[in-house]
Structures are given as C-alpha cells and as structure tokens.
Full PDB file with SEQRES, HELIX, SHEET, SSBOND, CRYST1, ORIGX, SCALE, CONECT and MASTER records, all heavy atoms in Angstrom:
SEQRES   1 A   40  HIS LYS GLY ARG CYS TYR ALA ALA CYS PRO GLU GLY SER          
SEQRES   2 A   40  PHE ALA ALA ASN GLY THR ILE GLU CYS SER GLY PRO ALA          
SEQRES   3 A   40  GLN CYS GLU MET SER GLU TRP GLY PRO TRP GLY PRO CYS          
SEQRES   4 A   40  SER                                                          
HELIX    1 AA1 ALA A   16  GLY A   18  5                                   3    
HELIX    2 AA2 PRO A   25  GLN A   27  5                                   3    
SSBOND   1 CYS A    9    CYS A   22                          1555   1555  2.01  
CRYST1    1.000    1.000    1.000  90.00  90.00  90.00 P 1           1          
ORIGX1      1.000000  0.000000  0.000000        0.00000                         
ORIGX2      0.000000  1.000000  0.000000        0.00000                         
ORIGX3      0.000000  0.000000  1.000000        0.00000                         
SCALE1      1.000000  0.000000  0.000000        0.00000                         
SCALE2      0.000000  1.000000  0.000000        0.00000                         
SCALE3      0.000000  0.000000  1.000000        0.00000                         
ATOM      1  N   HIS A   1       6.828  -9.291  -2.048  1.00  0.00           N  
ATOM      2  CA  HIS A   1       8.033  -9.092  -1.238  1.00  0.00           C  
ATOM      3  C   HIS A   1       9.195  -9.836  -1.875  1.00  0.00           C  
ATOM      4  O   HIS A   1       9.184 -11.059  -1.975  1.00  0.00           O  
ATOM      5  CB  HIS A   1       7.800  -9.596   0.189  1.00  0.00           C  
ATOM      6  CG  HIS A   1       8.969  -9.391   1.098  1.00  0.00           C  
ATOM      7  ND1 HIS A   1       9.454  -8.142   1.443  1.00  0.00           N  
ATOM      8  CD2 HIS A   1       9.775 -10.288   1.731  1.00  0.00           C  
ATOM      9  CE1 HIS A   1      10.475  -8.276   2.256  1.00  0.00           C  
ATOM     10  NE2 HIS A   1      10.704  -9.567   2.440  1.00  0.00           N  
ATOM     11  N   LYS A   2      10.184  -9.087  -2.340  1.00  0.00           N  
ATOM     12  CA  LYS A   2      11.401  -9.644  -2.937  1.00  0.00           C  
ATOM     13  C   LYS A   2      11.103 -10.631  -4.058  1.00  0.00           C  
ATOM     14  O   LYS A   2      11.673 -11.722  -4.124  1.00  0.00           O  
ATOM     15  CB  LYS A   2      12.276 -10.302  -1.866  1.00  0.00           C  
ATOM     16  CG  LYS A   2      12.802  -9.325  -0.827  1.00  0.00           C  
ATOM     17  CD  LYS A   2      13.705  -9.999   0.186  1.00  0.00           C  
ATOM     18  CE  LYS A   2      14.262  -8.993   1.182  1.00  0.00           C  
ATOM     19  NZ  LYS A   2      15.153  -9.630   2.168  1.00  0.00           N  
ATOM     20  N   GLY A   3      10.175 -10.267  -4.946  1.00  0.00           N  
ATOM     21  CA  GLY A   3       9.894 -11.076  -6.125  1.00  0.00           C  
ATOM     22  C   GLY A   3       8.996 -12.273  -5.888  1.00  0.00           C  
ATOM     23  O   GLY A   3       8.838 -13.105  -6.778  1.00  0.00           O  
ATOM     24  N   ARG A   4       8.372 -12.359  -4.697  1.00  0.00           N  
ATOM     25  CA  ARG A   4       7.464 -13.458  -4.393  1.00  0.00           C  
ATOM     26  C   ARG A   4       6.145 -12.898  -3.854  1.00  0.00           C  
ATOM     27  O   ARG A   4       6.085 -11.759  -3.397  1.00  0.00           O  
ATOM     28  CB  ARG A   4       8.087 -14.419  -3.372  1.00  0.00           C  
ATOM     29  CG  ARG A   4       9.248 -15.229  -3.918  1.00  0.00           C  
ATOM     30  CD  ARG A   4       8.755 -16.261  -4.930  1.00  0.00           C  
ATOM     31  NE  ARG A   4       9.808 -17.147  -5.382  1.00  0.00           N  
ATOM     32  CZ  ARG A   4      10.605 -16.913  -6.401  1.00  0.00           C  
ATOM     33  NH1 ARG A   4      10.484 -15.771  -7.072  1.00  0.00           N  
ATOM     34  NH2 ARG A   4      11.514 -17.785  -6.766  1.00  0.00           N  
ATOM     35  N   CYS A   5       5.096 -13.713  -3.886  1.00  0.00           N  
ATOM     36  CA  CYS A   5       3.771 -13.284  -3.456  1.00  0.00           C  
ATOM     37  C   CYS A   5       3.379 -13.975  -2.152  1.00  0.00           C  
ATOM     38  O   CYS A   5       3.576 -15.186  -2.011  1.00  0.00           O  
ATOM     39  CB  CYS A   5       2.738 -13.585  -4.547  1.00  0.00           C  
ATOM     40  SG  CYS A   5       3.081 -12.738  -6.118  1.00  0.00           S  
ATOM     41  N   TYR A   6       2.809 -13.194  -1.207  1.00  0.00           N  
ATOM     42  CA  TYR A   6       2.437 -13.728   0.104  1.00  0.00           C  
ATOM     43  C   TYR A   6       1.038 -13.244   0.475  1.00  0.00           C  
ATOM     44  O   TYR A   6       0.599 -12.170   0.042  1.00  0.00           O  
ATOM     45  CB  TYR A   6       3.430 -13.268   1.182  1.00  0.00           C  
ATOM     46  CG  TYR A   6       4.853 -13.706   0.938  1.00  0.00           C  
ATOM     47  CD1 TYR A   6       5.729 -12.911   0.192  1.00  0.00           C  
ATOM     48  CD2 TYR A   6       5.336 -14.904   1.447  1.00  0.00           C  
ATOM     49  CE1 TYR A   6       7.040 -13.305  -0.034  1.00  0.00           C  
ATOM     50  CE2 TYR A   6       6.643 -15.297   1.232  1.00  0.00           C  
ATOM     51  CZ  TYR A   6       7.488 -14.498   0.488  1.00  0.00           C  
ATOM     52  OH  TYR A   6       8.787 -14.888   0.269  1.00  0.00           O  
ATOM     53  N   ALA A   7       0.367 -14.031   1.326  1.00  0.00           N  
ATOM     54  CA  ALA A   7      -0.949 -13.627   1.827  1.00  0.00           C  
ATOM     55  C   ALA A   7      -0.823 -12.455   2.791  1.00  0.00           C  
ATOM     56  O   ALA A   7      -1.743 -11.647   2.932  1.00  0.00           O  
ATOM     57  CB  ALA A   7      -1.634 -14.801   2.512  1.00  0.00           C  
ATOM     58  N   ALA A   8       0.325 -12.323   3.470  1.00  0.00           N  
ATOM     59  CA  ALA A   8       0.620 -11.202   4.367  1.00  0.00           C  
ATOM     60  C   ALA A   8       2.119 -10.943   4.319  1.00  0.00           C  
ATOM     61  O   ALA A   8       2.893 -11.833   3.968  1.00  0.00           O  
ATOM     62  CB  ALA A   8       0.173 -11.513   5.791  1.00  0.00           C  
ATOM     63  N   CYS A   9       2.516  -9.728   4.662  1.00  0.00           N  
ATOM     64  CA  CYS A   9       3.936  -9.393   4.632  1.00  0.00           C  
ATOM     65  C   CYS A   9       4.698 -10.270   5.628  1.00  0.00           C  
ATOM     66  O   CYS A   9       4.236 -10.490   6.749  1.00  0.00           O  
ATOM     67  CB  CYS A   9       4.143  -7.924   4.980  1.00  0.00           C  
ATOM     68  SG  CYS A   9       3.588  -6.788   3.688  1.00  0.00           S  
ATOM     69  N   PRO A  10       5.871 -10.784   5.248  1.00  0.00           N  
ATOM     70  CA  PRO A  10       6.668 -11.602   6.170  1.00  0.00           C  
ATOM     71  C   PRO A  10       7.048 -10.819   7.416  1.00  0.00           C  
ATOM     72  O   PRO A  10       7.018  -9.582   7.431  1.00  0.00           O  
ATOM     73  CB  PRO A  10       7.907 -11.965   5.328  1.00  0.00           C  
ATOM     74  CG  PRO A  10       7.468 -11.799   3.916  1.00  0.00           C  
ATOM     75  CD  PRO A  10       6.480 -10.681   3.917  1.00  0.00           C  
ATOM     76  N   GLU A  11       7.396 -11.530   8.470  1.00  0.00           N  
ATOM     77  CA  GLU A  11       7.765 -10.904   9.736  1.00  0.00           C  
ATOM     78  C   GLU A  11       8.941  -9.951   9.540  1.00  0.00           C  
ATOM     79  O   GLU A  11       9.924 -10.263   8.888  1.00  0.00           O  
ATOM     80  CB  GLU A  11       8.130 -11.986  10.765  1.00  0.00           C  
ATOM     81  CG  GLU A  11       8.414 -11.443  12.147  1.00  0.00           C  
ATOM     82  CD  GLU A  11       8.720 -12.544  13.150  1.00  0.00           C  
ATOM     83  OE1 GLU A  11       8.666 -13.735  12.752  1.00  0.00           O  
ATOM     84  OE2 GLU A  11       8.992 -12.222  14.305  1.00  0.00           O  
ATOM     85  N   GLY A  12       8.808  -8.772  10.126  1.00  0.00           N  
ATOM     86  CA  GLY A  12       9.857  -7.767  10.003  1.00  0.00           C  
ATOM     87  C   GLY A  12       9.676  -6.832   8.826  1.00  0.00           C  
ATOM     88  O   GLY A  12      10.483  -5.921   8.632  1.00  0.00           O  
ATOM     89  N   SER A  13       8.624  -7.017   8.037  1.00  0.00           N  
ATOM     90  CA  SER A  13       8.356  -6.130   6.906  1.00  0.00           C  
ATOM     91  C   SER A  13       6.905  -5.656   6.975  1.00  0.00           C  
ATOM     92  O   SER A  13       6.069  -6.269   7.629  1.00  0.00           O  
ATOM     93  CB  SER A  13       8.622  -6.844   5.582  1.00  0.00           C  
ATOM     94  OG  SER A  13       7.759  -7.952   5.428  1.00  0.00           O  
ATOM     95  N   PHE A  14       6.630  -4.538   6.277  1.00  0.00           N  
ATOM     96  CA  PHE A  14       5.323  -3.919   6.350  1.00  0.00           C  
ATOM     97  C   PHE A  14       4.945  -3.378   4.981  1.00  0.00           C  
ATOM     98  O   PHE A  14       5.810  -3.070   4.156  1.00  0.00           O  
ATOM     99  CB  PHE A  14       5.327  -2.775   7.377  1.00  0.00           C  
ATOM    100  CG  PHE A  14       5.760  -3.198   8.753  1.00  0.00           C  
ATOM    101  CD1 PHE A  14       7.106  -3.220   9.095  1.00  0.00           C  
ATOM    102  CD2 PHE A  14       4.833  -3.593   9.694  1.00  0.00           C  
ATOM    103  CE1 PHE A  14       7.526  -3.620  10.344  1.00  0.00           C  
ATOM    104  CE2 PHE A  14       5.236  -3.997  10.957  1.00  0.00           C  
ATOM    105  CZ  PHE A  14       6.575  -4.015  11.286  1.00  0.00           C  
ATOM    106  N   ALA A  15       3.633  -3.263   4.749  1.00  0.00           N  
ATOM    107  CA  ALA A  15       3.148  -2.681   3.494  1.00  0.00           C  
ATOM    108  C   ALA A  15       3.442  -1.189   3.512  1.00  0.00           C  
ATOM    109  O   ALA A  15       3.000  -0.461   4.400  1.00  0.00           O  
ATOM    110  CB  ALA A  15       1.655  -2.933   3.346  1.00  0.00           C  
ATOM    111  N   ALA A  16       4.211  -0.731   2.554  1.00  0.00           N  
ATOM    112  CA  ALA A  16       4.689   0.652   2.546  1.00  0.00           C  
ATOM    113  C   ALA A  16       3.643   1.584   1.967  1.00  0.00           C  
ATOM    114  O   ALA A  16       3.164   1.382   0.856  1.00  0.00           O  
ATOM    115  CB  ALA A  16       5.988   0.755   1.739  1.00  0.00           C  
ATOM    116  N   ASN A  17       3.291   2.631   2.765  1.00  0.00           N  
ATOM    117  CA  ASN A  17       2.423   3.721   2.298  1.00  0.00           C  
ATOM    118  C   ASN A  17       1.121   3.220   1.665  1.00  0.00           C  
ATOM    119  O   ASN A  17       0.671   3.718   0.638  1.00  0.00           O  
ATOM    120  CB  ASN A  17       3.185   4.602   1.301  1.00  0.00           C  
ATOM    121  CG  ASN A  17       4.421   5.220   1.913  1.00  0.00           C  
ATOM    122  OD1 ASN A  17       4.440   5.531   3.096  1.00  0.00           O  
ATOM    123  ND2 ASN A  17       5.458   5.405   1.113  1.00  0.00           N  
ATOM    124  N   GLY A  18       0.507   2.210   2.269  1.00  0.00           N  
ATOM    125  CA  GLY A  18      -0.776   1.724   1.793  1.00  0.00           C  
ATOM    126  C   GLY A  18      -0.728   0.924   0.510  1.00  0.00           C  
ATOM    127  O   GLY A  18      -1.764   0.641  -0.085  1.00  0.00           O  
ATOM    128  N   THR A  19       0.448   0.526   0.053  1.00  0.00           N  
ATOM    129  CA  THR A  19       0.564  -0.267  -1.166  1.00  0.00           C  
ATOM    130  C   THR A  19       0.519  -1.749  -0.819  1.00  0.00           C  
ATOM    131  O   THR A  19       0.357  -2.129   0.341  1.00  0.00           O  
ATOM    132  CB  THR A  19       1.871   0.053  -1.901  1.00  0.00           C  
ATOM    133  OG1 THR A  19       2.983  -0.380  -1.087  1.00  0.00           O  
ATOM    134  CG2 THR A  19       2.003   1.546  -2.156  1.00  0.00           C  
ATOM    135  N   ILE A  20       0.672  -2.592  -1.833  1.00  0.00           N  
ATOM    136  CA  ILE A  20       0.700  -4.044  -1.608  1.00  0.00           C  
ATOM    137  C   ILE A  20       2.126  -4.576  -1.723  1.00  0.00           C  
ATOM    138  O   ILE A  20       2.334  -5.766  -1.910  1.00  0.00           O  
ATOM    139  CB  ILE A  20      -0.224  -4.765  -2.602  1.00  0.00           C  
ATOM    140  CG1 ILE A  20       0.159  -4.428  -4.046  1.00  0.00           C  
ATOM    141  CG2 ILE A  20      -1.675  -4.426  -2.346  1.00  0.00           C  
ATOM    142  CD1 ILE A  20      -0.592  -5.239  -5.081  1.00  0.00           C  
ATOM    143  N   GLU A  21       3.107  -3.680  -1.608  1.00  0.00           N  
ATOM    144  CA  GLU A  21       4.514  -4.086  -1.618  1.00  0.00           C  
ATOM    145  C   GLU A  21       5.065  -4.003  -0.204  1.00  0.00           C  
ATOM    146  O   GLU A  21       4.939  -2.980   0.460  1.00  0.00           O  
ATOM    147  CB  GLU A  21       5.327  -3.210  -2.575  1.00  0.00           C  
ATOM    148  CG  GLU A  21       4.946  -3.388  -4.032  1.00  0.00           C  
ATOM    149  CD  GLU A  21       5.897  -2.644  -4.965  1.00  0.00           C  
ATOM    150  OE1 GLU A  21       6.976  -2.238  -4.495  1.00  0.00           O  
ATOM    151  OE2 GLU A  21       5.561  -2.485  -6.136  1.00  0.00           O  
ATOM    152  N   CYS A  22       5.666  -5.082   0.253  1.00  0.00           N  
ATOM    153  CA  CYS A  22       6.208  -5.137   1.606  1.00  0.00           C  
ATOM    154  C   CYS A  22       7.605  -4.542   1.625  1.00  0.00           C  
ATOM    155  O   CYS A  22       8.410  -4.773   0.726  1.00  0.00           O  
ATOM    156  CB  CYS A  22       6.258  -6.579   2.111  1.00  0.00           C  
ATOM    157  SG  CYS A  22       4.654  -7.409   2.096  1.00  0.00           S  
ATOM    158  N   SER A  23       7.883  -3.799   2.670  1.00  0.00           N  
ATOM    159  CA  SER A  23       9.225  -3.243   2.853  1.00  0.00           C  
ATOM    160  C   SER A  23       9.578  -3.341   4.320  1.00  0.00           C  
ATOM    161  O   SER A  23       8.709  -3.404   5.187  1.00  0.00           O  
ATOM    162  CB  SER A  23       9.284  -1.788   2.386  1.00  0.00           C  
ATOM    163  OG  SER A  23       8.382  -0.997   3.131  1.00  0.00           O  
ATOM    164  N   GLY A  24      10.876  -3.346   4.623  1.00  0.00           N  
ATOM    165  CA  GLY A  24      11.348  -3.471   5.991  1.00  0.00           C  
ATOM    166  C   GLY A  24      12.131  -2.242   6.408  1.00  0.00           C  
ATOM    167  O   GLY A  24      12.277  -1.283   5.657  1.00  0.00           O  
ATOM    168  N   PRO A  25      12.668  -2.249   7.653  1.00  0.00           N  
ATOM    169  CA  PRO A  25      13.438  -1.106   8.141  1.00  0.00           C  
ATOM    170  C   PRO A  25      14.616  -0.749   7.264  1.00  0.00           C  
ATOM    171  O   PRO A  25      15.006   0.404   7.201  1.00  0.00           O  
ATOM    172  CB  PRO A  25      13.911  -1.573   9.527  1.00  0.00           C  
ATOM    173  CG  PRO A  25      12.921  -2.616   9.920  1.00  0.00           C  
ATOM    174  CD  PRO A  25      12.511  -3.292   8.650  1.00  0.00           C  
ATOM    175  N   ALA A  26      15.188  -1.759   6.563  1.00  0.00           N  
ATOM    176  CA  ALA A  26      16.345  -1.470   5.713  1.00  0.00           C  
ATOM    177  C   ALA A  26      15.994  -0.552   4.557  1.00  0.00           C  
ATOM    178  O   ALA A  26      16.866   0.019   3.932  1.00  0.00           O  
ATOM    179  CB  ALA A  26      16.937  -2.769   5.165  1.00  0.00           C  
ATOM    180  N   GLN A  27      14.678  -0.397   4.267  1.00  0.00           N  
ATOM    181  CA  GLN A  27      14.267   0.422   3.150  1.00  0.00           C  
ATOM    182  C   GLN A  27      13.890   1.833   3.584  1.00  0.00           C  
ATOM    183  O   GLN A  27      13.303   2.583   2.816  1.00  0.00           O  
ATOM    184  CB  GLN A  27      13.098  -0.239   2.421  1.00  0.00           C  
ATOM    185  CG  GLN A  27      13.496  -1.552   1.754  1.00  0.00           C  
ATOM    186  CD  GLN A  27      12.349  -2.188   1.002  1.00  0.00           C  
ATOM    187  OE1 GLN A  27      11.204  -1.816   1.184  1.00  0.00           O  
ATOM    188  NE2 GLN A  27      12.663  -3.150   0.159  1.00  0.00           N  
ATOM    189  N   CYS A  28      14.191   2.208   4.836  1.00  0.00           N  
ATOM    190  CA  CYS A  28      13.989   3.592   5.257  1.00  0.00           C  
ATOM    191  C   CYS A  28      14.908   4.496   4.439  1.00  0.00           C  
ATOM    192  O   CYS A  28      16.055   4.153   4.179  1.00  0.00           O  
ATOM    193  CB  CYS A  28      14.310   3.756   6.742  1.00  0.00           C  
ATOM    194  SG  CYS A  28      13.055   3.091   7.839  1.00  0.00           S  
ATOM    195  N   GLU A  29      14.387   5.652   4.093  1.00  0.00           N  
ATOM    196  CA  GLU A  29      15.202   6.611   3.341  1.00  0.00           C  
ATOM    197  C   GLU A  29      15.758   7.627   4.325  1.00  0.00           C  
ATOM    198  O   GLU A  29      15.007   8.367   4.964  1.00  0.00           O  
ATOM    199  CB  GLU A  29      14.368   7.295   2.264  1.00  0.00           C  
ATOM    200  CG  GLU A  29      15.190   8.176   1.347  1.00  0.00           C  
ATOM    201  CD  GLU A  29      14.356   8.786   0.228  1.00  0.00           C  
ATOM    202  OE1 GLU A  29      13.182   8.405   0.097  1.00  0.00           O  
ATOM    203  OE2 GLU A  29      14.903   9.639  -0.501  1.00  0.00           O  
ATOM    204  N   MET A  30      17.084   7.646   4.477  1.00  0.00           N  
ATOM    205  CA  MET A  30      17.743   8.501   5.458  1.00  0.00           C  
ATOM    206  C   MET A  30      18.593   9.554   4.755  1.00  0.00           C  
ATOM    207  O   MET A  30      19.098   9.336   3.651  1.00  0.00           O  
ATOM    208  CB  MET A  30      18.634   7.668   6.387  1.00  0.00           C  
ATOM    209  CG  MET A  30      17.964   6.459   7.006  1.00  0.00           C  
ATOM    210  SD  MET A  30      16.678   6.890   8.190  1.00  0.00           S  
ATOM    211  CE  MET A  30      17.658   7.640   9.492  1.00  0.00           C  
ATOM    212  N   SER A  31      18.768  10.703   5.411  1.00  0.00           N  
ATOM    213  CA  SER A  31      19.669  11.725   4.885  1.00  0.00           C  
ATOM    214  C   SER A  31      21.113  11.357   5.223  1.00  0.00           C  
ATOM    215  O   SER A  31      21.371  10.409   5.969  1.00  0.00           O  
ATOM    216  CB  SER A  31      19.321  13.085   5.494  1.00  0.00           C  
ATOM    217  OG  SER A  31      19.647  13.093   6.888  1.00  0.00           O  
ATOM    218  N   GLU A  32      22.059  12.120   4.695  1.00  0.00           N  
ATOM    219  CA  GLU A  32      23.470  11.907   5.029  1.00  0.00           C  
ATOM    220  C   GLU A  32      23.731  12.381   6.461  1.00  0.00           C  
ATOM    221  O   GLU A  32      23.026  13.242   6.993  1.00  0.00           O  
ATOM    222  CB  GLU A  32      24.367  12.677   4.056  1.00  0.00           C  
ATOM    223  CG  GLU A  32      24.261  12.207   2.611  1.00  0.00           C  
ATOM    224  CD  GLU A  32      24.812  10.802   2.419  1.00  0.00           C  
ATOM    225  OE1 GLU A  32      25.720  10.423   3.186  1.00  0.00           O  
ATOM    226  OE2 GLU A  32      24.328  10.095   1.523  1.00  0.00           O  
ATOM    227  N   TRP A  33      24.752  11.804   7.083  1.00  0.00           N  
ATOM    228  CA  TRP A  33      25.141  12.233   8.421  1.00  0.00           C  
ATOM    229  C   TRP A  33      25.649  13.670   8.376  1.00  0.00           C  
ATOM    230  O   TRP A  33      26.376  14.060   7.472  1.00  0.00           O  
ATOM    231  CB  TRP A  33      26.227  11.333   8.989  1.00  0.00           C  
ATOM    232  CG  TRP A  33      25.737   9.993   9.453  1.00  0.00           C  
ATOM    233  CD1 TRP A  33      25.911   8.802   8.830  1.00  0.00           C  
ATOM    234  CD2 TRP A  33      24.998   9.719  10.643  1.00  0.00           C  
ATOM    235  NE1 TRP A  33      25.319   7.791   9.552  1.00  0.00           N  
ATOM    236  CE2 TRP A  33      24.756   8.318  10.675  1.00  0.00           C  
ATOM    237  CE3 TRP A  33      24.514  10.507  11.689  1.00  0.00           C  
ATOM    238  CZ2 TRP A  33      24.052   7.713  11.711  1.00  0.00           C  
ATOM    239  CZ3 TRP A  33      23.811   9.888  12.725  1.00  0.00           C  
ATOM    240  CH2 TRP A  33      23.596   8.512  12.725  1.00  0.00           C  
ATOM    241  N   GLY A  34      25.281  14.456   9.370  1.00  0.00           N  
ATOM    242  CA  GLY A  34      25.802  15.808   9.497  1.00  0.00           C  
ATOM    243  C   GLY A  34      27.188  15.784  10.131  1.00  0.00           C  
ATOM    244  O   GLY A  34      27.680  14.731  10.539  1.00  0.00           O  
ATOM    245  N   PRO A  35      27.845  16.929  10.252  1.00  0.00           N  
ATOM    246  CA  PRO A  35      29.198  16.971  10.853  1.00  0.00           C  
ATOM    247  C   PRO A  35      29.131  16.703  12.358  1.00  0.00           C  
ATOM    248  O   PRO A  35      28.083  16.885  12.995  1.00  0.00           O  
ATOM    249  CB  PRO A  35      29.662  18.397  10.562  1.00  0.00           C  
ATOM    250  CG  PRO A  35      28.397  19.190  10.433  1.00  0.00           C  
ATOM    251  CD  PRO A  35      27.389  18.268   9.824  1.00  0.00           C  
ATOM    252  N   TRP A  36      30.270  16.282  12.918  1.00  0.00           N  
ATOM    253  CA  TRP A  36      30.348  16.068  14.359  1.00  0.00           C  
ATOM    254  C   TRP A  36      30.277  17.406  15.078  1.00  0.00           C  
ATOM    255  O   TRP A  36      30.885  18.386  14.663  1.00  0.00           O  
ATOM    256  CB  TRP A  36      31.643  15.358  14.725  1.00  0.00           C  
ATOM    257  CG  TRP A  36      31.672  13.913  14.328  1.00  0.00           C  
ATOM    258  CD1 TRP A  36      32.317  13.370  13.266  1.00  0.00           C  
ATOM    259  CD2 TRP A  36      31.012  12.827  14.997  1.00  0.00           C  
ATOM    260  NE1 TRP A  36      32.103  12.013  13.215  1.00  0.00           N  
ATOM    261  CE2 TRP A  36      31.311  11.647  14.264  1.00  0.00           C  
ATOM    262  CE3 TRP A  36      30.210  12.729  16.125  1.00  0.00           C  
ATOM    263  CZ2 TRP A  36      30.832  10.393  14.637  1.00  0.00           C  
ATOM    264  CZ3 TRP A  36      29.727  11.484  16.501  1.00  0.00           C  
ATOM    265  CH2 TRP A  36      30.030  10.336  15.764  1.00  0.00           C  
ATOM    266  N   GLY A  37      29.526  17.444  16.174  1.00  0.00           N  
ATOM    267  CA  GLY A  37      29.417  18.658  16.970  1.00  0.00           C  
ATOM    268  C   GLY A  37      30.609  18.818  17.896  1.00  0.00           C  
ATOM    269  O   GLY A  37      31.502  17.965  17.954  1.00  0.00           O  
ATOM    270  N   PRO A  38      30.673  19.924  18.656  1.00  0.00           N  
ATOM    271  CA  PRO A  38      31.803  20.157  19.571  1.00  0.00           C  
ATOM    272  C   PRO A  38      31.808  19.161  20.723  1.00  0.00           C  
ATOM    273  O   PRO A  38      30.767  18.605  21.091  1.00  0.00           O  
ATOM    274  CB  PRO A  38      31.554  21.590  20.057  1.00  0.00           C  
ATOM    275  CG  PRO A  38      30.073  21.786  19.916  1.00  0.00           C  
ATOM    276  CD  PRO A  38      29.670  21.006  18.716  1.00  0.00           C  
ATOM    277  N   CYS A  39      32.971  18.954  21.283  1.00  0.00           N  
ATOM    278  CA  CYS A  39      33.111  18.069  22.434  1.00  0.00           C  
ATOM    279  C   CYS A  39      32.482  18.751  23.649  1.00  0.00           C  
ATOM    280  O   CYS A  39      32.745  19.930  23.931  1.00  0.00           O  
ATOM    281  CB  CYS A  39      34.591  17.788  22.687  1.00  0.00           C  
ATOM    282  SG  CYS A  39      34.891  16.436  23.851  1.00  0.00           S  
ATOM    283  N   SER A  40      31.630  18.028  24.361  1.00  0.00           N  
ATOM    284  CA  SER A  40      30.914  18.628  25.489  1.00  0.00           C  
ATOM    285  C   SER A  40      30.725  17.595  26.591  1.00  0.00           C  
ATOM    286  O   SER A  40      30.861  16.389  26.375  1.00  0.00           O  
ATOM    287  CB  SER A  40      29.562  19.181  25.037  1.00  0.00           C  
ATOM    288  OG  SER A  40      28.744  18.127  24.563  1.00  0.00           O  
TER     289      SER A  40                                                      
CONECT   68  157                                                                
CONECT  157   68                                                                
MASTER        0    0    0    2    0    0    0    6  288    1    2    4          
END                                                                             
C-alpha cells in the first residue's frame, strides 16, 4: 500500500480484485459525467 508493506490493508483500503495490493475508494474507476437532464 503506497510503497510500503503491511500484514493487512490499512483502514479504509481493500485488496483489489484478489491481489495483494491495497486500494481505497479514491481508486474507483468512474466514467465521465453525462449531461444535465431536464428540469422536473
């Protein structure tokens, strides 16, 4: 995690996709925002 080794992922981070690399919510891959919809 961030260039250091830990016995478990630090709080707020998780092992991504079964690997031994910890990642947190900030590493979610998101699409671009779509256009604003009509006023309703």
